N, C-alpha and C. Protein backbone atom coordinates (compact mmCIF):
# COMPACT_ATOMS: atom_id res chain seq x y z
N MET A 1 46.37 -15.10 -33.99
CA MET A 1 46.62 -13.77 -34.48
C MET A 1 45.38 -12.91 -34.28
N GLY A 2 45.59 -11.75 -33.76
CA GLY A 2 44.47 -10.87 -33.51
C GLY A 2 44.56 -9.59 -34.30
N LEU A 3 43.41 -9.00 -34.49
CA LEU A 3 43.31 -7.71 -35.14
C LEU A 3 42.44 -6.86 -34.23
N ASN A 4 43.01 -5.79 -33.73
CA ASN A 4 42.29 -4.96 -32.78
C ASN A 4 42.03 -3.60 -33.42
N ILE A 5 40.79 -3.34 -33.77
CA ILE A 5 40.43 -2.08 -34.42
C ILE A 5 39.90 -1.12 -33.36
N LYS A 6 40.55 0.02 -33.24
CA LYS A 6 40.19 0.98 -32.19
C LYS A 6 39.50 2.22 -32.74
N ASP A 7 39.11 2.17 -33.98
CA ASP A 7 38.44 3.30 -34.61
C ASP A 7 36.94 3.01 -34.65
N ASP A 8 36.16 3.84 -33.97
CA ASP A 8 34.71 3.61 -33.86
C ASP A 8 34.01 3.58 -35.21
N GLU A 9 34.38 4.46 -36.12
CA GLU A 9 33.73 4.48 -37.43
C GLU A 9 33.99 3.17 -38.18
N THR A 10 35.23 2.70 -38.14
CA THR A 10 35.57 1.45 -38.82
C THR A 10 34.80 0.28 -38.23
N VAL A 11 34.72 0.23 -36.93
CA VAL A 11 33.97 -0.85 -36.26
C VAL A 11 32.50 -0.79 -36.69
N ALA A 12 31.93 0.40 -36.74
CA ALA A 12 30.53 0.55 -37.14
C ALA A 12 30.32 0.12 -38.59
N LEU A 13 31.24 0.51 -39.46
CA LEU A 13 31.13 0.13 -40.87
C LEU A 13 31.23 -1.38 -41.05
N VAL A 14 32.17 -2.00 -40.37
CA VAL A 14 32.34 -3.45 -40.48
C VAL A 14 31.14 -4.17 -39.89
N THR A 15 30.62 -3.66 -38.79
CA THR A 15 29.43 -4.26 -38.17
C THR A 15 28.25 -4.22 -39.13
N GLU A 16 28.02 -3.07 -39.75
CA GLU A 16 26.91 -2.94 -40.70
C GLU A 16 27.13 -3.81 -41.93
N LEU A 17 28.34 -3.84 -42.43
CA LEU A 17 28.63 -4.69 -43.58
C LEU A 17 28.39 -6.16 -43.25
N ALA A 18 28.84 -6.60 -42.09
CA ALA A 18 28.63 -7.99 -41.67
C ALA A 18 27.14 -8.29 -41.57
N ARG A 19 26.38 -7.35 -41.03
CA ARG A 19 24.94 -7.54 -40.91
C ARG A 19 24.29 -7.71 -42.28
N GLN A 20 24.66 -6.81 -43.21
CA GLN A 20 24.06 -6.87 -44.54
C GLN A 20 24.49 -8.12 -45.32
N LEU A 21 25.70 -8.58 -45.08
CA LEU A 21 26.19 -9.78 -45.76
C LEU A 21 25.72 -11.06 -45.08
N GLY A 22 25.22 -10.91 -43.87
CA GLY A 22 24.80 -12.09 -43.11
C GLY A 22 25.98 -12.94 -42.68
N THR A 23 27.04 -12.29 -42.28
CA THR A 23 28.25 -12.99 -41.87
C THR A 23 28.82 -12.35 -40.61
N THR A 24 29.96 -12.83 -40.19
CA THR A 24 30.63 -12.26 -39.02
C THR A 24 31.45 -11.05 -39.44
N LYS A 25 31.93 -10.30 -38.46
CA LYS A 25 32.82 -9.18 -38.76
C LYS A 25 34.09 -9.69 -39.44
N THR A 26 34.60 -10.82 -38.94
CA THR A 26 35.79 -11.41 -39.56
C THR A 26 35.51 -11.78 -41.01
N GLY A 27 34.35 -12.38 -41.25
CA GLY A 27 33.97 -12.76 -42.62
C GLY A 27 33.84 -11.54 -43.52
N ALA A 28 33.28 -10.47 -42.98
CA ALA A 28 33.12 -9.24 -43.77
C ALA A 28 34.48 -8.65 -44.13
N ILE A 29 35.38 -8.61 -43.17
CA ILE A 29 36.72 -8.08 -43.43
C ILE A 29 37.46 -8.96 -44.43
N ARG A 30 37.34 -10.28 -44.27
CA ARG A 30 37.97 -11.22 -45.20
C ARG A 30 37.47 -10.98 -46.63
N GLU A 31 36.15 -10.85 -46.77
CA GLU A 31 35.56 -10.64 -48.10
C GLU A 31 36.04 -9.32 -48.71
N LEU A 32 36.06 -8.27 -47.89
CA LEU A 32 36.54 -6.97 -48.39
C LEU A 32 38.00 -7.05 -48.82
N ALA A 33 38.82 -7.72 -48.01
CA ALA A 33 40.24 -7.85 -48.34
C ALA A 33 40.42 -8.62 -49.65
N ARG A 34 39.68 -9.70 -49.82
CA ARG A 34 39.77 -10.49 -51.06
C ARG A 34 39.35 -9.65 -52.26
N GLN A 35 38.25 -8.92 -52.12
CA GLN A 35 37.77 -8.10 -53.23
C GLN A 35 38.79 -7.02 -53.60
N ARG A 36 39.33 -6.37 -52.58
CA ARG A 36 40.28 -5.29 -52.84
C ARG A 36 41.56 -5.82 -53.48
N LEU A 37 42.04 -6.96 -53.00
CA LEU A 37 43.23 -7.56 -53.60
C LEU A 37 42.98 -7.94 -55.06
N ALA A 38 41.80 -8.45 -55.35
CA ALA A 38 41.44 -8.79 -56.73
C ALA A 38 41.40 -7.53 -57.60
N GLU A 39 40.86 -6.44 -57.05
CA GLU A 39 40.83 -5.17 -57.78
C GLU A 39 42.24 -4.67 -58.07
N LEU A 40 43.12 -4.76 -57.08
CA LEU A 40 44.50 -4.31 -57.27
C LEU A 40 45.22 -5.16 -58.31
N ASP A 41 45.00 -6.47 -58.28
CA ASP A 41 45.59 -7.36 -59.28
C ASP A 41 45.10 -6.99 -60.68
N ALA A 42 43.80 -6.75 -60.80
CA ALA A 42 43.23 -6.38 -62.10
C ALA A 42 43.80 -5.05 -62.58
N GLN A 43 43.96 -4.10 -61.66
CA GLN A 43 44.53 -2.80 -62.02
C GLN A 43 45.97 -2.95 -62.49
N ARG A 44 46.75 -3.79 -61.80
CA ARG A 44 48.13 -4.03 -62.23
C ARG A 44 48.15 -4.64 -63.63
N ASP A 45 47.25 -5.60 -63.87
CA ASP A 45 47.17 -6.21 -65.20
C ASP A 45 46.82 -5.16 -66.26
N ASP A 46 45.85 -4.29 -65.94
CA ASP A 46 45.46 -3.23 -66.87
C ASP A 46 46.63 -2.28 -67.13
N ASP A 47 47.35 -1.92 -66.06
CA ASP A 47 48.49 -1.03 -66.19
C ASP A 47 49.57 -1.66 -67.07
N LEU A 48 49.82 -2.96 -66.86
CA LEU A 48 50.82 -3.65 -67.65
C LEU A 48 50.41 -3.71 -69.12
N GLN A 49 49.15 -4.01 -69.38
CA GLN A 49 48.67 -4.06 -70.77
C GLN A 49 48.78 -2.68 -71.43
N ALA A 50 48.48 -1.63 -70.68
CA ALA A 50 48.59 -0.27 -71.22
C ALA A 50 50.05 0.07 -71.53
N GLU A 51 50.96 -0.34 -70.65
CA GLU A 51 52.37 -0.08 -70.87
C GLU A 51 52.88 -0.85 -72.10
N ILE A 52 52.45 -2.09 -72.24
CA ILE A 52 52.83 -2.88 -73.41
C ILE A 52 52.31 -2.23 -74.69
N ALA A 53 51.06 -1.78 -74.67
CA ALA A 53 50.47 -1.13 -75.84
C ALA A 53 51.22 0.16 -76.18
N GLU A 54 51.58 0.93 -75.16
CA GLU A 54 52.30 2.18 -75.37
C GLU A 54 53.69 1.92 -75.96
N THR A 55 54.37 0.93 -75.44
CA THR A 55 55.70 0.58 -75.95
C THR A 55 55.62 0.07 -77.38
N THR A 56 54.63 -0.78 -77.65
CA THR A 56 54.45 -1.30 -79.01
C THR A 56 54.17 -0.17 -79.99
N ALA A 57 53.31 0.76 -79.61
CA ALA A 57 53.00 1.90 -80.48
C ALA A 57 54.26 2.72 -80.75
N TRP A 58 55.09 2.93 -79.73
CA TRP A 58 56.33 3.69 -79.91
C TRP A 58 57.27 2.96 -80.86
N LEU A 59 57.40 1.64 -80.68
CA LEU A 59 58.25 0.85 -81.57
C LEU A 59 57.73 0.92 -83.01
N GLU A 60 56.42 0.78 -83.19
CA GLU A 60 55.82 0.82 -84.52
C GLU A 60 56.08 2.16 -85.21
N GLU A 61 56.07 3.22 -84.43
CA GLU A 61 56.24 4.56 -85.00
C GLU A 61 57.71 4.93 -85.20
N ASN A 62 58.56 4.57 -84.25
CA ASN A 62 59.93 5.08 -84.25
C ASN A 62 61.02 4.11 -84.68
N ILE A 63 60.80 2.84 -84.51
CA ILE A 63 61.87 1.87 -84.78
C ILE A 63 61.58 0.99 -85.98
N TRP A 64 60.45 0.34 -85.98
CA TRP A 64 60.16 -0.64 -87.03
C TRP A 64 60.21 -0.07 -88.44
N PRO A 65 59.76 1.15 -88.69
CA PRO A 65 59.87 1.67 -90.06
C PRO A 65 61.32 1.74 -90.55
N LYS A 66 62.26 1.92 -89.64
CA LYS A 66 63.67 2.03 -90.01
C LYS A 66 64.30 0.67 -90.31
N THR A 67 63.60 -0.40 -89.99
CA THR A 67 64.17 -1.73 -90.19
C THR A 67 63.57 -2.45 -91.39
N ARG A 68 62.63 -1.85 -92.07
CA ARG A 68 61.91 -2.54 -93.15
C ARG A 68 62.81 -2.92 -94.33
N ASN A 69 63.81 -2.11 -94.63
CA ASN A 69 64.65 -2.36 -95.80
C ASN A 69 65.97 -3.04 -95.45
N LEU A 70 66.11 -3.49 -94.24
CA LEU A 70 67.35 -4.17 -93.85
C LEU A 70 67.31 -5.62 -94.28
N ARG A 71 68.46 -6.12 -94.70
CA ARG A 71 68.53 -7.54 -95.06
C ARG A 71 68.71 -8.36 -93.78
N PRO A 72 68.34 -9.60 -93.81
CA PRO A 72 68.54 -10.46 -92.64
C PRO A 72 70.04 -10.64 -92.37
N LEU A 73 70.39 -10.82 -91.12
CA LEU A 73 71.78 -11.07 -90.76
C LEU A 73 72.20 -12.45 -91.23
N THR A 74 73.48 -12.55 -91.59
CA THR A 74 74.02 -13.89 -91.86
C THR A 74 74.28 -14.56 -90.53
N ARG A 75 74.49 -15.84 -90.56
CA ARG A 75 74.78 -16.60 -89.33
C ARG A 75 76.05 -16.05 -88.67
N GLU A 76 77.05 -15.73 -89.48
CA GLU A 76 78.31 -15.21 -88.96
C GLU A 76 78.11 -13.84 -88.29
N GLU A 77 77.32 -12.98 -88.91
CA GLU A 77 77.05 -11.66 -88.33
C GLU A 77 76.28 -11.80 -87.01
N GLU A 78 75.33 -12.70 -87.00
CA GLU A 78 74.56 -12.93 -85.78
C GLU A 78 75.46 -13.43 -84.66
N ASP A 79 76.34 -14.39 -84.97
CA ASP A 79 77.26 -14.92 -83.97
C ASP A 79 78.19 -13.82 -83.45
N MET A 80 78.67 -12.96 -84.35
CA MET A 80 79.56 -11.88 -83.95
C MET A 80 78.83 -10.91 -83.01
N LEU A 81 77.61 -10.51 -83.36
CA LEU A 81 76.85 -9.57 -82.54
C LEU A 81 76.52 -10.15 -81.17
N LEU A 82 76.25 -11.45 -81.12
CA LEU A 82 75.89 -12.09 -79.86
C LEU A 82 77.12 -12.51 -79.05
N GLY A 83 78.30 -12.36 -79.63
CA GLY A 83 79.52 -12.73 -78.92
C GLY A 83 79.86 -14.20 -79.02
N HIS A 84 79.15 -14.93 -79.86
CA HIS A 84 79.42 -16.36 -79.99
C HIS A 84 80.76 -16.61 -80.65
N ASP A 85 81.19 -15.69 -81.52
CA ASP A 85 82.47 -15.88 -82.20
C ASP A 85 83.62 -15.88 -81.20
N GLU A 86 83.51 -15.09 -80.12
CA GLU A 86 84.55 -15.04 -79.09
C GLU A 86 84.48 -16.25 -78.18
N MET A 87 83.27 -16.76 -77.94
CA MET A 87 83.10 -17.91 -77.05
C MET A 87 83.77 -19.15 -77.62
N PHE A 88 83.75 -19.29 -78.93
CA PHE A 88 84.24 -20.51 -79.55
C PHE A 88 85.62 -20.33 -80.18
N ALA A 89 86.20 -19.15 -80.02
CA ALA A 89 87.53 -18.91 -80.59
C ALA A 89 88.56 -19.70 -79.79
N SER A 90 89.53 -20.23 -80.48
CA SER A 90 90.57 -21.03 -79.80
C SER A 90 91.78 -20.20 -79.52
């Protein structure tokens, strides 16, 4: 598999990076790709954690206060809501 870079600036940047890292151009590109992929993974993780926190805050503010005074469901009510009563009906 080959990679043919035809952009002079990119070639110059990779050449300089390889020189400073003491590696080949291929090694420099590999290292950059690994670093960037790790950054993207970390960003996705951060985004997911932020979304979870936002959803939790919304639930705490808008939903959970309305459920504080509710009694627990009976087994029969739970089965009815989940459709289990229909599954086992003869």
